[in-house]
């Protein structure tokens, strides 16, 4: 599902397309949510700080 959303966002260029303010805000919101989801997925797979070593 994430890939589908990312692919759909990739088809839109908010800089060149005529988007309303609401559409631009929603575009930014979805990108932010995908970014957060990606980070949470990485934390789930690798842990919070996988490169941490105690001395």
Protein backbone atom coordinates (compact mmCIF):
# COMPACT_ATOMS: atom_id res chain seq x y z
CA UNK A 1 0.00 0.00 0.00
CA UNK A 2 2.89 2.37 0.74
CA UNK A 3 4.37 1.77 -2.68
CA UNK A 4 1.05 2.58 -4.32
CA UNK A 5 0.81 5.88 -2.43
CA UNK A 6 4.40 6.78 -3.24
CA UNK A 7 3.87 5.94 -6.90
CA UNK A 8 0.73 8.08 -6.99
CA UNK A 9 2.60 10.99 -5.41
CA UNK A 10 5.39 10.54 -7.92
CA UNK A 11 2.94 11.23 -10.72
CA UNK A 12 2.19 14.69 -9.34
CA UNK A 13 4.62 17.59 -9.40
CA UNK A 14 3.20 20.28 -7.12
CA UNK A 15 5.67 22.82 -8.53
CA UNK A 16 4.42 22.59 -12.11
CA UNK A 17 0.82 21.45 -11.80
CA UNK A 18 -2.10 23.70 -11.05
CA UNK A 19 -3.05 22.56 -7.55
CA UNK A 20 -5.26 24.36 -5.10
CA UNK A 21 -3.87 25.31 -1.71
CA UNK A 22 -5.84 22.45 -0.16
CA UNK A 23 -4.37 19.98 -2.66
CA UNK A 24 -0.83 21.23 -1.97
CA UNK A 25 -1.39 20.86 1.77
CA UNK A 26 -2.78 17.34 1.36
CA UNK A 27 0.19 16.43 -0.87
CA UNK A 28 2.60 17.61 1.83
CA UNK A 29 0.59 15.81 4.52
CA UNK A 30 0.67 12.49 2.68
CA UNK A 31 4.41 12.79 2.01
CA UNK A 32 5.02 13.50 5.69
CA UNK A 33 2.90 10.52 6.75
CA UNK A 34 4.73 8.23 4.33
CA UNK A 35 8.05 9.48 5.69
CA UNK A 36 6.98 8.85 9.28
CA UNK A 37 5.71 5.40 8.35
CA UNK A 38 8.98 4.59 6.62
CA UNK A 39 10.97 5.63 9.69
CA UNK A 40 8.74 3.60 12.01
CA UNK A 41 9.17 0.58 9.76
CA UNK A 42 12.94 0.97 9.90
CA UNK A 43 12.83 1.27 13.70
CA UNK A 44 10.70 -1.88 13.82
CA UNK A 45 13.22 -3.79 11.71
CA UNK A 46 16.51 -2.42 13.08
CA UNK A 47 15.68 -1.07 16.52
CA UNK A 48 15.83 2.51 17.74
CA UNK A 49 19.60 2.93 17.55
CA UNK A 50 21.19 -0.09 15.85
CA UNK A 51 24.66 1.49 15.58
CA UNK A 52 24.88 2.31 19.29
CA UNK A 53 27.65 0.62 21.18
CA UNK A 54 28.30 1.09 24.88
CA UNK A 55 31.89 1.54 25.93
